[in-house]
Structures are given as structure tokens and as C-alpha cells.
Protein backbone atom coordinates (compact mmCIF):
# COMPACT_ATOMS: atom_id res chain seq x y z
CA MET A 1 -6.78 -8.95 23.99
CA THR A 2 -3.06 -8.94 23.20
CA LEU A 3 -0.91 -10.99 20.87
CA THR A 4 0.33 -13.01 23.64
CA ASP A 5 -3.17 -14.17 24.23
CA VAL A 6 -3.08 -15.95 20.84
CA ALA A 7 0.50 -16.35 19.83
CA PRO A 8 1.27 -19.55 21.95
CA ASN A 9 -1.54 -21.30 20.25
CA PRO A 10 -0.67 -23.01 16.84
CA ARG A 11 -1.88 -21.38 13.76
CA PRO A 12 -5.16 -23.21 12.62
CA GLU A 13 -4.58 -24.50 9.06
CA ARG A 14 -7.57 -26.78 8.23
CA SER A 15 -10.84 -25.16 7.54
CA ILE A 16 -12.55 -27.10 10.36
CA ASP A 17 -9.78 -25.92 12.73
CA ILE A 18 -10.13 -22.27 11.64
CA TYR A 19 -13.90 -22.47 12.07
CA ARG A 20 -13.58 -24.11 15.58
CA ARG A 21 -11.19 -21.47 16.78
CA ALA A 22 -13.44 -18.60 15.52
CA LEU A 23 -16.42 -20.31 16.91
CA SER A 24 -14.85 -20.50 20.50
CA TRP A 25 -14.57 -16.70 20.31
CA LEU A 26 -18.12 -16.34 19.27
CA GLU A 27 -19.43 -18.73 21.94
CA ALA A 28 -17.55 -16.71 24.68
CA GLN A 29 -19.09 -13.44 23.58
CA LEU A 30 -22.78 -14.43 23.05
CA PRO A 31 -25.20 -13.02 25.52
CA HIS A 32 -26.73 -15.40 28.37
CA GLY A 33 -29.27 -17.89 26.85
CA TRP A 34 -28.10 -17.63 23.26
CA THR A 35 -26.79 -20.67 21.61
CA VAL A 36 -24.85 -21.56 18.40
CA SER A 37 -25.02 -24.59 16.31
CA ALA A 38 -24.10 -25.93 12.80
CA ASP A 39 -24.73 -28.70 10.44
CA ARG A 40 -22.26 -31.61 10.92
CA PRO A 41 -19.14 -30.92 8.90
CA ARG A 42 -17.06 -33.50 6.98
CA SER A 43 -13.62 -32.96 8.43
CA PRO A 44 -11.35 -31.34 7.36
CA ALA A 45 -14.08 -29.07 5.89
CA ALA A 46 -15.95 -26.49 7.96
CA PRO A 47 -19.70 -26.66 8.39
CA ASN A 48 -21.79 -24.91 5.62
CA ARG A 49 -24.32 -23.25 7.86
CA LEU A 50 -24.14 -21.50 11.31
CA LEU A 51 -27.37 -21.18 13.34
CA ILE A 52 -27.62 -18.72 16.25
CA THR A 53 -30.80 -19.14 18.49
CA ALA A 54 -32.24 -16.65 20.91
CA PRO A 55 -33.57 -17.52 24.32
CA ASP A 56 -37.14 -17.33 22.93
CA GLY A 57 -36.21 -19.91 20.21
CA GLU A 58 -36.08 -17.59 17.28
CA SER A 59 -32.95 -18.20 15.20
CA VAL A 60 -30.96 -16.74 12.38
CA SER A 61 -28.79 -18.77 9.87
CA TYR A 62 -25.54 -17.87 8.23
CA ALA A 63 -23.57 -19.32 5.19
CA ILE A 64 -20.14 -20.02 6.48
CA THR A 65 -16.88 -19.18 4.59
CA ALA A 66 -13.75 -20.79 6.13
CA SER A 67 -10.50 -19.54 4.76
CA LYS A 68 -6.84 -19.46 5.66
CA GLY A 69 -6.53 -15.80 4.31
CA VAL A 70 -9.05 -13.40 3.36
CA LEU A 71 -8.03 -10.36 1.39
CA SER A 72 -9.90 -7.17 0.77
CA GLY A 73 -10.33 -8.16 -2.85
CA ASP A 74 -12.15 -11.26 -1.73
CA VAL A 75 -14.92 -9.58 0.19
CA ALA A 76 -16.98 -8.34 -2.66
CA ARG A 77 -16.90 -11.86 -4.28
CA ILE A 78 -17.94 -13.46 -1.09
CA ALA A 79 -20.87 -11.14 -0.65
CA ALA A 80 -21.85 -11.55 -4.31
CA GLU A 81 -22.07 -15.27 -3.97
CA LEU A 82 -24.78 -15.10 -1.13
CA SER A 83 -28.49 -14.75 -2.10
CA GLU A 84 -30.10 -11.32 -1.30
CA SER A 85 -31.96 -13.04 1.71
CA ASP A 86 -28.82 -14.96 3.16
CA ARG A 87 -26.31 -13.91 5.56
CA GLY A 88 -22.60 -14.55 5.60
CA PHE A 89 -20.25 -15.49 8.29
CA VAL A 90 -16.63 -15.41 7.43
CA CYS A 91 -13.93 -16.90 9.49
CA ALA A 92 -10.06 -16.99 8.94
CA HIS A 93 -6.90 -17.36 11.00
CA TYR A 94 -6.53 -13.60 10.97
CA LEU A 95 -8.49 -10.76 9.41
CA SER A 96 -6.76 -7.52 9.03
CA GLU A 97 -8.32 -4.31 10.05
CA PRO A 98 -8.86 -3.07 6.18
CA VAL A 99 -10.50 -6.60 5.59
CA ARG A 100 -12.66 -6.15 8.57
CA ARG A 101 -13.74 -2.71 7.39
CA GLN A 102 -14.58 -4.30 3.97
CA LEU A 103 -16.63 -7.03 5.74
CA ASP A 104 -18.50 -4.45 7.78
CA GLY A 105 -19.35 -2.42 4.66
CA HIS A 106 -20.76 -5.51 2.94
CA GLY A 107 -22.80 -6.46 5.94
CA LEU A 108 -20.88 -9.79 6.54
CA SER A 109 -20.31 -11.13 9.97
CA TYR A 110 -17.05 -12.66 10.81
CA ALA A 111 -14.66 -13.98 13.33
CA ASP A 112 -10.99 -14.78 13.42
CA ALA A 113 -8.79 -17.10 15.46
CA THR A 114 -7.34 -13.92 17.38
CA GLY A 115 -10.69 -12.94 18.56
CA ASN A 116 -11.60 -10.26 16.08
CA LEU A 117 -15.46 -10.71 15.95
CA ASN A 118 -18.56 -9.05 14.67
CA LEU A 119 -21.89 -10.89 14.31
CA VAL A 120 -25.12 -8.96 13.32
CA ALA A 121 -28.63 -9.78 12.86
CA ASP A 122 -31.96 -7.86 12.81
CA ARG A 123 -34.20 -10.83 13.70
CA PRO A 124 -33.56 -12.05 16.22
CA ALA A 125 -31.85 -8.72 17.21
CA ILE A 126 -28.23 -9.36 18.02
CA TRP A 127 -24.97 -7.58 17.83
CA VAL A 128 -21.79 -9.18 19.11
CA ARG A 129 -18.36 -7.49 18.73
CA ASN A 130 -14.94 -8.17 20.06
CA ARG A 131 -11.50 -6.84 19.53
CA GLY A 132 -8.69 -9.44 18.86
CA ALA A 133 -5.07 -8.82 17.67
CA ASP A 134 -4.02 -5.82 15.60
CA ALA A 135 -1.47 -7.78 13.59
CA ASP A 136 -1.22 -11.36 12.56
CA PRO A 137 0.52 -13.19 15.50
CA TRP A 138 1.59 -16.05 13.38
CA ARG A 139 3.47 -14.09 10.68
CA GLY A 140 7.12 -14.65 10.61
CA PRO A 141 9.89 -12.21 10.73
CA GLY A 142 10.36 -12.12 6.82
CA ARG A 143 8.63 -9.60 4.53
CA PRO A 144 6.60 -7.06 6.46
CA SER A 145 2.88 -6.72 5.70
CA GLY A 146 1.49 -3.88 3.97
CA VAL A 147 4.91 -1.82 3.70
CA LEU A 148 5.74 -0.03 0.44
CA THR A 149 9.50 -0.61 0.40
CA GLY A 150 11.86 -1.83 -2.32
CA GLU A 151 12.11 -1.40 -5.96
CA PRO A 152 8.88 -3.07 -7.00
CA SER A 153 6.95 -0.62 -4.68
CA GLU A 154 8.88 2.35 -6.41
CA ARG A 155 8.11 1.09 -9.78
CA VAL A 156 4.38 0.24 -9.28
CA VAL A 157 3.71 3.45 -7.20
CA ARG A 158 5.23 5.57 -9.74
CA ALA A 159 3.73 4.01 -12.79
CA LEU A 160 0.19 4.38 -11.15
CA ALA A 161 0.86 7.90 -10.05
CA ASP A 162 2.26 9.04 -13.51
CA HIS A 163 -0.65 7.50 -15.45
CA VAL A 164 -4.41 8.00 -15.47
CA GLY A 165 -7.03 5.72 -16.62
CA GLU A 166 -8.33 2.15 -15.90
CA ILE A 167 -5.41 -0.33 -16.12
CA SER A 168 -5.21 -4.10 -15.58
CA VAL A 169 -2.46 -5.64 -13.50
CA PRO A 170 -0.87 -7.26 -16.47
CA GLU A 171 -0.69 -3.76 -18.13
CA LEU A 172 0.58 -2.26 -14.92
CA ILE A 173 3.48 -4.90 -14.82
CA LYS A 174 4.49 -3.96 -18.38
CA LEU A 175 4.35 -0.42 -17.78
CA SER A 176 6.23 -0.53 -14.43
CA GLY A 177 8.86 -3.01 -15.18
CA ALA A 178 8.25 -4.82 -11.97
CA SER A 179 8.17 -8.58 -11.84
CA THR A 180 4.76 -10.29 -11.92
CA GLY A 181 4.63 -11.58 -8.36
CA ALA A 182 6.06 -8.52 -6.90
CA ALA A 183 3.63 -6.31 -8.82
CA TYR A 184 0.51 -8.37 -7.56
CA ARG A 185 1.94 -7.95 -3.90
CA VAL A 186 2.29 -4.30 -4.24
CA VAL A 187 -1.24 -3.95 -5.79
CA GLU A 188 -2.62 -6.03 -3.02
CA VAL A 189 -0.88 -3.84 -0.36
CA LEU A 190 -2.25 -0.67 -2.03
CA PHE A 191 -5.80 -2.06 -2.11
CA GLU A 192 -5.57 -3.23 1.51
CA ARG A 193 -4.56 0.22 2.47
CA GLU A 194 -7.48 1.73 0.40
CA LEU A 195 -5.10 3.55 -1.87
CA LEU A 196 -6.64 2.29 -4.97
CA THR A 197 -9.99 0.78 -6.30
CA ARG A 198 -9.93 -2.37 -8.14
CA LEU A 199 -12.75 -4.62 -9.48
CA PRO A 200 -12.80 -8.11 -8.09
CA ARG A 201 -10.32 -10.11 -10.36
CA GLY A 202 -10.54 -7.14 -12.59
CA PRO A 203 -8.72 -3.89 -13.47
CA ILE A 204 -7.68 -1.01 -11.23
CA THR A 205 -10.25 1.80 -11.73
CA ASP A 206 -9.07 4.48 -9.44
CA VAL A 207 -6.02 5.64 -7.68
CA ARG A 208 -5.71 8.02 -4.76
CA TRP A 209 -2.40 9.12 -5.97
CA PRO A 210 -1.59 11.89 -3.45
CA HIS A 211 -2.25 9.42 -0.53
CA MET A 212 -0.42 6.76 -2.31
CA LEU A 213 2.74 8.84 -2.93
CA ARG A 214 2.65 10.10 0.79
CA ALA A 215 2.41 6.47 1.97
CA TRP A 216 5.31 5.32 -0.20
CA ALA A 217 7.46 8.26 0.80
CA ALA A 218 6.94 7.50 4.49
CA ASP A 219 7.45 3.73 3.95
CA ARG A 220 10.68 3.72 1.84
CA LYS A 221 14.06 3.51 3.01
CA PRO A 222 16.04 6.85 2.56
CA CYS A 223 18.66 6.90 -0.03
CA ALA A 224 22.30 7.59 0.89
CA THR A 225 23.49 11.08 0.14
CA ARG A 226 26.75 12.77 -0.13
CA SER A 227 27.49 16.58 0.01
CA PHE A 228 29.60 18.59 -2.28
CA ALA A 229 30.63 22.18 -3.19
CA ALA A 230 30.40 23.57 -6.67
CA PRO A 231 33.71 25.52 -6.85
CA ASN A 232 32.25 27.99 -9.51
CA GLY A 233 28.88 28.23 -7.97
CA LEU A 234 25.35 26.69 -8.81
CA ASP A 235 24.74 28.93 -11.94
CA GLU A 236 27.87 27.62 -13.62
CA LEU A 237 27.09 23.90 -12.65
CA ARG A 238 23.58 24.45 -13.88
CA ALA A 239 24.72 25.68 -17.23
CA ARG A 240 27.16 22.74 -17.55
CA LEU A 241 24.46 20.31 -16.72
CA ALA A 242 21.97 22.00 -19.23
CA SER A 243 24.63 22.01 -22.00
CA GLY A 244 25.74 18.33 -21.41
CA ASN A 245 24.22 15.07 -22.92
CA GLY A 246 23.12 13.76 -19.52
CA ASP A 247 26.09 11.51 -19.10
CA PRO A 248 26.83 10.67 -16.22
CA ALA A 249 23.07 10.11 -15.60
CA TYR A 250 21.45 12.47 -13.12
CA ALA A 251 18.08 13.86 -12.25
CA VAL A 252 17.41 16.98 -10.22
CA THR A 253 14.79 16.65 -7.44
CA GLY A 254 13.68 18.51 -4.31
CA ILE A 255 12.92 22.14 -4.59
CA GLY A 256 14.81 22.49 -7.86
CA ALA A 257 12.42 20.18 -9.53
CA THR A 258 9.42 22.52 -8.75
CA ASP A 259 8.33 26.07 -9.23
CA TYR A 260 8.16 26.56 -5.37
CA ALA A 261 11.24 28.70 -5.12
CA SER A 262 14.86 29.10 -6.48
CA ALA A 263 16.83 26.40 -4.83
CA SER A 264 19.91 27.50 -2.93
CA VAL A 265 21.08 23.86 -2.65
CA LEU A 266 21.01 21.67 -5.84
CA GLU A 267 19.61 18.23 -4.84
CA LEU A 268 19.72 15.46 -7.38
CA TYR A 269 20.24 11.77 -7.91
CA ALA A 270 23.20 10.31 -9.73
CA ASP A 271 23.66 6.91 -11.18
CA ASP A 272 27.38 7.04 -10.29
CA VAL A 273 28.03 9.61 -7.65
CA ASP A 274 31.84 9.43 -7.98
CA ALA A 275 31.74 9.66 -11.73
CA PHE A 276 29.22 12.49 -11.49
CA ALA A 277 31.27 14.54 -9.05
CA ALA A 278 34.47 14.05 -11.10
CA ALA A 279 32.89 15.08 -14.33
CA LEU A 280 31.65 18.25 -12.83
CA ASP A 281 34.73 19.06 -10.58
CA LEU A 282 32.60 18.97 -7.46
CA ARG A 283 34.45 18.98 -4.06
CA PRO A 284 33.43 16.75 -1.21
CA ILE A 285 32.52 18.78 1.79
CA THR A 286 31.05 18.02 5.25
CA GLY A 287 29.37 21.42 5.89
CA GLY A 288 27.98 24.23 3.92
CA ALA A 289 27.23 22.09 0.87
CA ASP A 290 25.41 23.62 -2.10
CA VAL A 291 25.15 20.24 -3.96
CA VAL A 292 23.66 17.19 -2.37
CA VAL A 293 23.70 13.95 -4.54
CA ALA A 294 21.73 10.82 -3.67
CA THR A 295 22.33 7.22 -4.95
CA PRO A 296 18.94 5.95 -6.06
CA TRP A 297 17.54 2.56 -5.09
CA SER A 298 16.45 1.89 -8.55
CA ALA A 299 16.53 3.25 -12.11
CA ALA A 300 12.89 4.06 -11.81
CA VAL A 301 13.98 7.56 -10.64
CA PHE A 302 15.11 8.24 -14.14
CA GLU A 303 11.70 7.32 -15.71
CA ARG A 304 9.15 9.78 -17.12
CA MET A 305 11.59 12.70 -16.37
CA GLN A 306 10.71 16.38 -17.02
CA TYR A 307 13.05 19.15 -18.22
CA ARG A 308 13.23 22.36 -16.43
CA ASP A 309 15.51 25.23 -17.76
CA GLY A 310 17.38 22.48 -19.62
CA LEU A 311 18.01 20.31 -16.56
CA ARG A 312 16.90 16.76 -16.33
CA CYS A 313 14.50 16.50 -13.33
CA VAL A 314 12.65 13.67 -11.83
CA ALA A 315 9.04 13.23 -12.63
CA PRO A 316 6.54 15.53 -10.87
CA SER A 317 5.22 12.54 -8.63
CA HIS A 318 8.77 11.69 -7.57
CA ALA A 319 9.68 15.29 -6.72
CA TYR A 320 6.61 15.54 -4.55
CA ALA A 321 7.39 12.26 -2.73
CA ASP A 322 10.82 13.34 -2.00
CA LEU A 323 9.61 16.68 -0.53
CA VAL A 324 7.25 14.63 1.71
CA ALA A 325 9.89 12.48 3.36
CA GLY A 326 13.67 11.59 2.91
CA PRO A 327 16.88 13.53 2.72
CA PHE A 328 15.10 16.16 0.46
CA ARG A 329 12.13 16.67 2.77
CA HIS A 330 10.60 20.22 2.72
CA PRO A 331 6.85 20.16 3.97
CA ASP A 332 6.03 23.64 2.54
CA ALA A 333 7.44 22.75 -0.80
CA ALA A 334 5.51 19.56 -0.77
CA GLU A 335 2.21 21.13 -0.05
CA TYR A 336 2.96 23.70 -2.88
CA GLN A 337 3.82 20.88 -5.23
CA LEU A 338 0.66 18.89 -4.37
CA THR A 339 -1.54 21.91 -5.01
CA ALA A 340 0.08 22.38 -8.43
CA LEU A 341 -0.13 18.80 -9.36
CA THR A 342 -3.97 18.51 -8.28
CA ALA A 343 -4.87 21.62 -10.03
CA ASP A 344 -3.51 20.63 -13.29
CA GLU A 345 -3.16 16.77 -13.87
CA SER A 346 -1.91 16.94 -17.44
CA TRP A 347 1.40 15.58 -16.18
CA ARG A 348 -0.43 12.23 -15.75
CA ARG A 349 -0.07 10.17 -18.98
CA PRO A 350 -3.19 8.31 -20.35
CA VAL A 351 -2.71 4.56 -20.00
CA GLY A 352 -1.41 3.26 -23.27
CA ARG A 353 1.08 5.98 -24.08
CA GLY A 354 3.83 3.81 -22.83
CA ARG A 355 6.66 4.18 -20.29
């Protein structure tokens, strides 16, 4: 099964069309002698019940849920709406791999219009499985699915990593400063990628923050950097930064924001790179730089900063992400930082202490 097998077909939109497309895959995969039937639907709705019958006449019935899109957060609700003795059959135009895992975990059978299929029953004993598309073939060229890029992702990921405790999405929106729609999209991506746990239509109860930070670091677009030389050396530059009032705005990152080692190159963010370099008499240089300055994508890099030896540094979570991937990447320092952060999570603020 490849995308070209299904992409030429129009995307099914009505519930009955979604059901029919999913059913065609199921019928094609049923063992010889097995049949499938359903109650007569009232178009454009899908049928309510699906009946699978074995060659000996024994049958099993499923409650049908037909939807244009099924998210991981919907699966628990679908399962909860079934009686203990009932079975569920979910069909959609496309079911992502994380959603399929959720459906498997809740014992729900399913089929989508691309051929992803899993139907299970004990009596009569049957297991039918098929691999369809690995990506939605009808998805347009716009916003990529499941990718943690852009300012909203940075704000939401940082807020979740920097805080501990159960948190509702409205609280997260206020805490992160992300817009409502964008925050919900990022939360859904994190849920789909199993980087957080959320109750159905409820709060976020747990965050796998190390995995989340690594995923964000890998997905985000690297910041542009410029290289400079400090004419009087790094010690003099650090002293000037420590004695200043933080204007122009800056934040040290990379190894310099950790206890890993003494940094031979000062890596940092500056809100205005030109103003920062001019204020500190830095000289642009193409090779042998001892100062590397990045232009941040958002002001979130300056939130919840820490002070180290009088220097303004990015939050521990941001330092870790920068060490994982990007222009300040340093794998050994990243592992060191992760060990330190997991050993003592006091850097994570309880939800409710504010931004």
C-alpha cells in the first residue's frame, strides 16, 4: 500500500462515504466464507451496527463510529460510550499511527479510507489486519501535521517543561502567552506524539518533558547566528555583562548556561544583535570566534531565565534543548544537563506561580 493507491480517489466527506470506503477495505481482507452486513443507513449517516458472520453462521456485532477525523483524545471517549459487552468499529478518512495505537489499546476495531484496518473478535474468532497509508494522502501543502515549529510551539513546550503539576489548557494558554487556537493545536500534537497525558476534555496530568524538549529541539528551525571576537577576552566581556543592567537584552545559552564545563566560546541570544555587539565593542569575525550570538525566533527565550555568576542565562529547559540540536549543539553537555535536571527538578515551578 502506497499513497498513490489512495491519493487519486476523492477524500470521503460524508459519514456514509467514509463508512463505505472503510468497508470496501474490510470486505477485501475478510477470509473466504466470512460476510459483512449492516443495518440500512439513512444517508448521509453511516449505519449504526456492523455484523460480521463466520462460515458456520456465528456472528459478532460492532457499534459503528464514523468520523471525518479521529484524534487520540477522542478514543477514550468513544470506548467509554460503549457498554461493557459491546464492541466498537471506528472508521474515518484517515487514522494516524498514534490514533491506531490508542484504538488498539482500547480494544476498538477500525478501518480508514486508505486501508489501515484492524478487526478483532473472540467469538467467532477473527483477526483481520491491513497496512494502509502512513500519512494522510489528502492533506494539503499547508501546516505540516505533528511538527513542533514556530513561536506557539516554543511557548507551549517551554511552559510545560518549566512547570510541574496538573494544568488545564486555558491555564496553559495564560502561562505560555500563546494564542488559544495555536495552543490547542500544539497540545494536540504533543498528545498525538505521546509526549503528554491529558484526560478526555480535561487537564494535562503528566508531561514527558525530556522527550518533549528533544522533539521540539529536533523540529524547530535553527536560529541565525553571527560570530564575533571579544577584543579584551571573554573574562572582561563576562564582567561587563554581569555589571550591566541587561540592556540590550541577552541570554547566555549552550555550555555557558550549565555546569558541564567552562565555555571557551560564549554562546548567547540577543534581541538586537547589532546593538548588542556595538554596546560591547565586539568585532565581527568569520573564523576563530569566541562569541556567537543568535537571533531568537520569539521573546520566549528570555522568559524564566536563571542567573549564573551574574550573567543572564536561558532557562535550564531551553539550555538543554539548545544543546540537543541547533547551532549550539553539544551531545555530551546535553546528556550532562539532562542528568542534572532529572536528578533535581526544583527548577520546575509549581503551576500557579505565574510566568
